[in-house]
Amino acid sequence: MDKRSLAQMAQRFRDAERRTEILRQELAVAIRQADADDVPQKDICEATGYTRQQVRRIVLAGAENPAPGDAPGDA
């Protein structure tokens, strides 16, 4: 493998890492929305493959860091 090929592979990897982070954040938003919509935690776990503890952490993190416009009085 030459230097150029290695650099291209490394760039593809960095791009995939960025896409993964975006998707992880989108999934966390979807989990919080499912929780807000009263989807049973068991169903969220089955759909995502996450443990109940992971789902709880994601939901609680959203409660601690509300998105802009979600704070009380923002209307």
PDB file of N, CA and C in Angstrom:
ATOM      1  N   MET A   1       0.858  -1.171   0.000  1.00  0.00           N
ATOM      2  CA  MET A   1       0.000   0.000   0.000  1.00  0.00           C
ATOM      3  C   MET A   1       0.905   1.234   0.000  1.00  0.00           C
ATOM      4  N   ASP A   2       0.590   2.180  -0.862  1.00  0.00           N
ATOM      5  CA  ASP A   2       1.407   3.392  -0.919  1.00  0.00           C
ATOM      6  C   ASP A   2       0.835   4.470   0.011  1.00  0.00           C
ATOM      7  N   LYS A   3       1.587   5.547   0.150  1.00  0.00           N
ATOM      8  CA  LYS A   3       1.224   6.623   1.083  1.00  0.00           C
ATOM      9  C   LYS A   3      -0.117   7.257   0.707  1.00  0.00           C
ATOM     10  N   ARG A   4      -0.345   7.455  -0.575  1.00  0.00           N
ATOM     11  CA  ARG A   4      -1.591   8.087  -1.018  1.00  0.00           C
ATOM     12  C   ARG A   4      -2.811   7.213  -0.688  1.00  0.00           C
ATOM     13  N   SER A   5      -2.681   5.935  -0.938  1.00  0.00           N
ATOM     14  CA  SER A   5      -3.773   5.005  -0.621  1.00  0.00           C
ATOM     15  C   SER A   5      -4.047   4.972   0.877  1.00  0.00           C
ATOM     16  N   LEU A   6      -2.993   4.977   1.662  1.00  0.00           N
ATOM     17  CA  LEU A   6      -3.131   4.982   3.110  1.00  0.00           C
ATOM     18  C   LEU A   6      -3.824   6.267   3.582  1.00  0.00           C
ATOM     19  N   ALA A   7      -3.442   7.394   3.004  1.00  0.00           N
ATOM     20  CA  ALA A   7      -4.060   8.672   3.364  1.00  0.00           C
ATOM     21  C   ALA A   7      -5.544   8.686   2.993  1.00  0.00           C
ATOM     22  N   GLN A   8      -5.882   8.121   1.836  1.00  0.00           N
ATOM     23  CA  GLN A   8      -7.289   8.051   1.431  1.00  0.00           C
ATOM     24  C   GLN A   8      -8.085   7.170   2.390  1.00  0.00           C
ATOM     25  N   MET A   9      -7.513   6.055   2.798  1.00  0.00           N
ATOM     26  CA  MET A   9      -8.191   5.166   3.740  1.00  0.00           C
ATOM     27  C   MET A   9      -8.393   5.858   5.086  1.00  0.00           C
ATOM     28  N   ALA A  10      -7.378   6.570   5.538  1.00  0.00           N
ATOM     29  CA  ALA A  10      -7.486   7.291   6.804  1.00  0.00           C
ATOM     30  C   ALA A  10      -8.575   8.365   6.726  1.00  0.00           C
ATOM     31  N   GLN A  11      -8.672   9.043   5.586  1.00  0.00           N
ATOM     32  CA  GLN A  11      -9.711  10.069   5.414  1.00  0.00           C
ATOM     33  C   GLN A  11     -11.097   9.439   5.414  1.00  0.00           C
ATOM     34  N   ARG A  12     -11.244   8.318   4.742  1.00  0.00           N
ATOM     35  CA  ARG A  12     -12.535   7.613   4.745  1.00  0.00           C
ATOM     36  C   ARG A  12     -12.934   7.221   6.157  1.00  0.00           C
ATOM     37  N   PHE A  13     -11.948   6.804   6.945  1.00  0.00           N
ATOM     38  CA  PHE A  13     -12.211   6.430   8.328  1.00  0.00           C
ATOM     39  C   PHE A  13     -12.673   7.641   9.136  1.00  0.00           C
ATOM     40  N   ARG A  14     -12.007   8.774   8.984  1.00  0.00           N
ATOM     41  CA  ARG A  14     -12.397   9.996   9.702  1.00  0.00           C
ATOM     42  C   ARG A  14     -13.796  10.440   9.289  1.00  0.00           C
ATOM     43  N   ASP A  15     -14.101  10.342   8.009  1.00  0.00           N
ATOM     44  CA  ASP A  15     -15.444  10.686   7.523  1.00  0.00           C
ATOM     45  C   ASP A  15     -16.496   9.779   8.159  1.00  0.00           C
ATOM     46  N   ALA A  16     -16.198   8.503   8.245  1.00  0.00           N
ATOM     47  CA  ALA A  16     -17.136   7.550   8.844  1.00  0.00           C
ATOM     48  C   ALA A  16     -17.329   7.846  10.333  1.00  0.00           C
ATOM     49  N   GLU A  17     -16.264   8.253  11.007  1.00  0.00           N
ATOM     50  CA  GLU A  17     -16.384   8.620  12.420  1.00  0.00           C
ATOM     51  C   GLU A  17     -17.328   9.809  12.595  1.00  0.00           C
ATOM     52  N   ARG A  18     -17.209  10.800  11.720  1.00  0.00           N
ATOM     53  CA  ARG A  18     -18.094  11.979  11.796  1.00  0.00           C
ATOM     54  C   ARG A  18     -19.547  11.581  11.539  1.00  0.00           C
ATOM     55  N   ARG A  19     -19.772  10.761  10.544  1.00  0.00           N
ATOM     56  CA  ARG A  19     -21.134  10.301  10.254  1.00  0.00           C
ATOM     57  C   ARG A  19     -21.695   9.496  11.421  1.00  0.00           C
ATOM     58  N   THR A  20     -20.855   8.671  12.036  1.00  0.00           N
ATOM     59  CA  THR A  20     -21.276   7.867  13.174  1.00  0.00           C
ATOM     60  C   THR A  20     -21.706   8.752  14.332  1.00  0.00           C
ATOM     61  N   GLU A  21     -20.965   9.796  14.602  1.00  0.00           N
ATOM     62  CA  GLU A  21     -21.309  10.709  15.691  1.00  0.00           C
ATOM     63  C   GLU A  21     -22.647  11.394  15.423  1.00  0.00           C
ATOM     64  N   ILE A  22     -22.876  11.820  14.205  1.00  0.00           N
ATOM     65  CA  ILE A  22     -24.152  12.457  13.845  1.00  0.00           C
ATOM     66  C   ILE A  22     -25.300  11.467  14.038  1.00  0.00           C
ATOM     67  N   LEU A  23     -25.126  10.244  13.571  1.00  0.00           N
ATOM     68  CA  LEU A  23     -26.171   9.230  13.719  1.00  0.00           C
ATOM     69  C   LEU A  23     -26.406   8.874  15.180  1.00  0.00           C
ATOM     70  N   ARG A  24     -25.344   8.836  15.974  1.00  0.00           N
ATOM     71  CA  ARG A  24     -25.483   8.549  17.403  1.00  0.00           C
ATOM     72  C   ARG A  24     -26.345   9.613  18.067  1.00  0.00           C
ATOM     73  N   GLN A  25     -26.102  10.876  17.721  1.00  0.00           N
ATOM     74  CA  GLN A  25     -26.891  11.971  18.283  1.00  0.00           C
ATOM     75  C   GLN A  25     -28.346  11.903  17.819  1.00  0.00           C
ATOM     76  N   GLU A  26     -28.562  11.570  16.555  1.00  0.00           N
ATOM     77  CA  GLU A  26     -29.927  11.446  16.044  1.00  0.00           C
ATOM     78  C   GLU A  26     -30.670  10.302  16.734  1.00  0.00           C
ATOM     79  N   LEU A  27     -29.981   9.195  16.988  1.00  0.00           N
ATOM     80  CA  LEU A  27     -30.597   8.078  17.687  1.00  0.00           C
ATOM     81  C   LEU A  27     -30.949   8.466  19.121  1.00  0.00           C
ATOM     82  N   ALA A  28     -30.088   9.225  19.770  1.00  0.00           N
ATOM     83  CA  ALA A  28     -30.378   9.675  21.135  1.00  0.00           C
ATOM     84  C   ALA A  28     -31.633  10.544  21.155  1.00  0.00           C
ATOM     85  N   VAL A  29     -31.783  11.419  20.178  1.00  0.00           N
ATOM     86  CA  VAL A  29     -32.986  12.257  20.084  1.00  0.00           C
ATOM     87  C   VAL A  29     -34.212  11.366  19.882  1.00  0.00           C
ATOM     88  N   ALA A  30     -34.094  10.366  19.026  1.00  0.00           N
ATOM     89  CA  ALA A  30     -35.210   9.464  18.769  1.00  0.00           C
ATOM     90  C   ALA A  30     -35.575   8.667  20.023  1.00  0.00           C
ATOM     91  N   ILE A  31     -34.580   8.246  20.779  1.00  0.00           N
ATOM     92  CA  ILE A  31     -34.837   7.519  22.027  1.00  0.00           C
ATOM     93  C   ILE A  31     -35.569   8.418  23.015  1.00  0.00           C
ATOM     94  N   ARG A  32     -35.120   9.664  23.136  1.00  0.00           N
ATOM     95  CA  ARG A  32     -35.794  10.601  24.047  1.00  0.00           C
ATOM     96  C   ARG A  32     -37.237  10.858  23.604  1.00  0.00           C
ATOM     97  N   GLN A  33     -37.443  10.956  22.302  1.00  0.00           N
ATOM     98  CA  GLN A  33     -38.797  11.179  21.802  1.00  0.00           C
ATOM     99  C   GLN A  33     -39.679   9.962  22.073  1.00  0.00           C
ATOM    100  N   ALA A  34     -39.136   8.775  21.866  1.00  0.00           N
ATOM    101  CA  ALA A  34     -39.895   7.559  22.147  1.00  0.00           C
ATOM    102  C   ALA A  34     -40.266   7.504  23.632  1.00  0.00           C
ATOM    103  N   ASP A  35     -39.333   7.869  24.489  1.00  0.00           N
ATOM    104  CA  ASP A  35     -39.609   7.900  25.919  1.00  0.00           C
ATOM    105  C   ASP A  35     -40.706   8.913  26.230  1.00  0.00           C
ATOM    106  N   ALA A  36     -40.628  10.090  25.628  1.00  0.00           N
ATOM    107  CA  ALA A  36     -41.645  11.123  25.834  1.00  0.00           C
ATOM    108  C   ALA A  36     -43.007  10.672  25.317  1.00  0.00           C
ATOM    109  N   ASP A  37     -43.018   9.833  24.293  1.00  0.00           N
ATOM    110  CA  ASP A  37     -44.255   9.305  23.724  1.00  0.00           C
ATOM    111  C   ASP A  37     -44.739   8.066  24.473  1.00  0.00           C
ATOM    112  N   ASP A  38     -44.117   7.779  25.611  1.00  0.00           N
ATOM    113  CA  ASP A  38     -44.480   6.646  26.470  1.00  0.00           C
ATOM    114  C   ASP A  38     -44.301   5.282  25.814  1.00  0.00           C
ATOM    115  N   VAL A  39     -43.320   5.165  24.920  1.00  0.00           N
ATOM    116  CA  VAL A  39     -42.967   3.850  24.379  1.00  0.00           C
ATOM    117  C   VAL A  39     -42.297   3.079  25.516  1.00  0.00           C
ATOM    118  N   PRO A  40     -42.726   1.862  25.784  1.00  0.00           N
ATOM    119  CA  PRO A  40     -42.101   1.100  26.875  1.00  0.00           C
ATOM    120  C   PRO A  40     -40.589   0.972  26.676  1.00  0.00           C
ATOM    121  N   GLN A  41     -39.869   1.115  27.789  1.00  0.00           N
ATOM    122  CA  GLN A  41     -38.408   1.038  27.718  1.00  0.00           C
ATOM    123  C   GLN A  41     -37.957  -0.297  27.132  1.00  0.00           C
ATOM    124  N   LYS A  42     -38.693  -1.345  27.414  1.00  0.00           N
ATOM    125  CA  LYS A  42     -38.374  -2.667  26.856  1.00  0.00           C
ATOM    126  C   LYS A  42     -38.369  -2.615  25.330  1.00  0.00           C
ATOM    127  N   ASP A  43     -39.351  -1.932  24.755  1.00  0.00           N
ATOM    128  CA  ASP A  43     -39.434  -1.827  23.298  1.00  0.00           C
ATOM    129  C   ASP A  43     -38.288  -0.984  22.736  1.00  0.00           C
ATOM    130  N   ILE A  44     -37.924   0.073  23.448  1.00  0.00           N
ATOM    131  CA  ILE A  44     -36.794   0.905  23.009  1.00  0.00           C
ATOM    132  C   ILE A  44     -35.521   0.072  23.007  1.00  0.00           C
ATOM    133  N   CYS A  45     -35.337  -0.724  24.048  1.00  0.00           N
ATOM    134  CA  CYS A  45     -34.148  -1.585  24.143  1.00  0.00           C
ATOM    135  C   CYS A  45     -34.107  -2.611  23.013  1.00  0.00           C
ATOM    136  N   GLU A  46     -35.251  -3.214  22.737  1.00  0.00           N
ATOM    137  CA  GLU A  46     -35.302  -4.218  21.669  1.00  0.00           C
ATOM    138  C   GLU A  46     -35.006  -3.596  20.308  1.00  0.00           C
ATOM    139  N   ALA A  47     -35.530  -2.393  20.078  1.00  0.00           N
ATOM    140  CA  ALA A  47     -35.342  -1.744  18.778  1.00  0.00           C
ATOM    141  C   ALA A  47     -33.910  -1.264  18.572  1.00  0.00           C
ATOM    142  N   THR A  48     -33.267  -0.812  19.644  1.00  0.00           N
ATOM    143  CA  THR A  48     -31.939  -0.219  19.510  1.00  0.00           C
ATOM    144  C   THR A  48     -30.793  -1.174  19.814  1.00  0.00           C
ATOM    145  N   GLY A  49     -31.087  -2.217  20.597  1.00  0.00           N
ATOM    146  CA  GLY A  49     -30.014  -3.105  21.033  1.00  0.00           C
ATOM    147  C   GLY A  49     -29.274  -2.568  22.245  1.00  0.00           C
ATOM    148  N   TYR A  50     -29.747  -1.447  22.784  1.00  0.00           N
ATOM    149  CA  TYR A  50     -29.138  -0.861  23.974  1.00  0.00           C
ATOM    150  C   TYR A  50     -29.689  -1.538  25.216  1.00  0.00           C
ATOM    151  N   THR A  51     -28.938  -1.477  26.307  1.00  0.00           N
ATOM    152  CA  THR A  51     -29.426  -1.987  27.574  1.00  0.00           C
ATOM    153  C   THR A  51     -30.364  -0.956  28.203  1.00  0.00           C
ATOM    154  N   ARG A  52     -31.123  -1.394  29.207  1.00  0.00           N
ATOM    155  CA  ARG A  52     -32.020  -0.471  29.910  1.00  0.00           C
ATOM    156  C   ARG A  52     -31.213   0.659  30.548  1.00  0.00           C
ATOM    157  N   GLN A  53     -30.042   0.325  31.071  1.00  0.00           N
ATOM    158  CA  GLN A  53     -29.198   1.345  31.693  1.00  0.00           C
ATOM    159  C   GLN A  53     -28.743   2.381  30.654  1.00  0.00           C
ATOM    160  N   GLN A  54     -28.364   1.931  29.473  1.00  0.00           N
ATOM    161  CA  GLN A  54     -27.948   2.872  28.428  1.00  0.00           C
ATOM    162  C   GLN A  54     -29.107   3.780  28.036  1.00  0.00           C
ATOM    163  N   VAL A  55     -30.301   3.214  27.908  1.00  0.00           N
ATOM    164  CA  VAL A  55     -31.462   4.016  27.545  1.00  0.00           C
ATOM    165  C   VAL A  55     -31.749   5.041  28.640  1.00  0.00           C
ATOM    166  N   ARG A  56     -31.700   4.612  29.903  1.00  0.00           N
ATOM    167  CA  ARG A  56     -31.927   5.552  31.013  1.00  0.00           C
ATOM    168  C   ARG A  56     -30.926   6.695  30.980  1.00  0.00           C
ATOM    169  N   ARG A  57     -29.665   6.379  30.735  1.00  0.00           N
ATOM    170  CA  ARG A  57     -28.631   7.424  30.681  1.00  0.00           C
ATOM    171  C   ARG A  57     -28.916   8.432  29.569  1.00  0.00           C
ATOM    172  N   ILE A  58     -29.319   7.939  28.415  1.00  0.00           N
ATOM    173  CA  ILE A  58     -29.610   8.820  27.282  1.00  0.00           C
ATOM    174  C   ILE A  58     -30.795   9.718  27.605  1.00  0.00           C
ATOM    175  N   VAL A  59     -31.850   9.133  28.178  1.00  0.00           N
ATOM    176  CA  VAL A  59     -33.041   9.915  28.519  1.00  0.00           C
ATOM    177  C   VAL A  59     -32.695  10.956  29.580  1.00  0.00           C
ATOM    178  N   LEU A  60     -31.964  10.550  30.608  1.00  0.00           N
ATOM    179  CA  LEU A  60     -31.598  11.492  31.670  1.00  0.00           C
ATOM    180  C   LEU A  60     -30.669  12.589  31.168  1.00  0.00           C
ATOM    181  N   ALA A  61     -29.767  12.252  30.259  1.00  0.00           N
ATOM    182  CA  ALA A  61     -28.861  13.264  29.701  1.00  0.00           C
ATOM    183  C   ALA A  61     -29.660  14.317  28.943  1.00  0.00           C
ATOM    184  N   GLY A  62     -30.727  13.913  28.282  1.00  0.00           N
ATOM    185  CA  GLY A  62     -31.576  14.852  27.567  1.00  0.00           C
ATOM    186  C   GLY A  62     -32.322  15.755  28.521  1.00  0.00           C
ATOM    187  N   ALA A  63     -32.707  15.235  29.683  1.00  0.00           N
ATOM    188  CA  ALA A  63     -33.420  16.030  30.678  1.00  0.00           C
ATOM    189  C   ALA A  63     -32.484  17.055  31.313  1.00  0.00           C
ATOM    190  N   GLU A  64     -31.204  16.700  31.439  1.00  0.00           N
ATOM    191  CA  GLU A  64     -30.220  17.606  32.030  1.00  0.00           C
ATOM    192  C   GLU A  64     -29.777  18.679  31.046  1.00  0.00           C
ATOM    193  N   ASN A  65     -29.801  18.367  29.754  1.00  0.00           N
ATOM    194  CA  ASN A  65     -29.350  19.285  28.720  1.00  0.00           C
ATOM    195  C   ASN A  65     -30.448  19.468  27.668  1.00  0.00           C
ATOM    196  N   PRO A  66     -31.532  20.184  28.016  1.00  0.00           N
ATOM    197  CA  PRO A  66     -32.607  20.328  27.042  1.00  0.00           C
ATOM    198  C   PRO A  66     -32.144  21.073  25.787  1.00  0.00           C
ATOM    199  N   ALA A  67     -32.739  20.697  24.682  1.00  0.00           N
ATOM    200  CA  ALA A  67     -32.425  21.349  23.414  1.00  0.00           C
ATOM    201  C   ALA A  67     -32.949  22.781  23.442  1.00  0.00           C
ATOM    202  N   PRO A  68     -32.368  23.683  22.664  1.00  0.00           N
ATOM    203  CA  PRO A  68     -32.872  25.054  22.624  1.00  0.00           C
ATOM    204  C   PRO A  68     -34.357  25.061  22.263  1.00  0.00           C
ATOM    205  N   GLY A  69     -35.122  25.844  22.992  1.00  0.00           N
ATOM    206  CA  GLY A  69     -36.553  25.903  22.755  1.00  0.00           C
ATOM    207  C   GLY A  69     -37.328  24.923  23.609  1.00  0.00           C
ATOM    208  N   ASP A  70     -36.636  24.030  24.331  1.00  0.00           N
ATOM    209  CA  ASP A  70     -37.305  23.062  25.192  1.00  0.00           C
ATOM    210  C   ASP A  70     -37.373  23.533  26.637  1.00  0.00           C
ATOM    211  N   ALA A  71     -36.684  24.603  26.949  1.00  0.00           N
ATOM    212  CA  ALA A  71     -36.648  25.077  28.334  1.00  0.00           C
ATOM    213  C   ALA A  71     -38.001  25.691  28.689  1.00  0.00           C
ATOM    214  N   PRO A  72     -38.400  25.572  29.967  1.00  0.00           N
ATOM    215  CA  PRO A  72     -39.663  26.167  30.387  1.00  0.00           C
ATOM    216  C   PRO A  72     -39.673  27.667  30.082  1.00  0.00           C
ATOM    217  N   GLY A  73     -40.785  28.127  29.581  1.00  0.00           N
ATOM    218  CA  GLY A  73     -40.905  29.552  29.254  1.00  0.00           C
ATOM    219  C   GLY A  73     -40.472  29.898  27.850  1.00  0.00           C
ATOM    220  N   ASP A  74     -39.912  28.930  27.113  1.00  0.00           N
ATOM    221  CA  ASP A  74     -39.525  29.184  25.711  1.00  0.00           C
ATOM    222  C   ASP A  74     -40.705  28.887  24.818  1.00  0.00           C
ATOM    223  N   ALA A  75     -41.474  29.900  24.487  1.00  0.00           N
ATOM    224  CA  ALA A  75     -42.619  29.671  23.614  1.00  0.00           C
ATOM    225  C   ALA A  75     -42.763  30.788  22.622  1.00  0.00           C
TER     226      ALA A  75
END
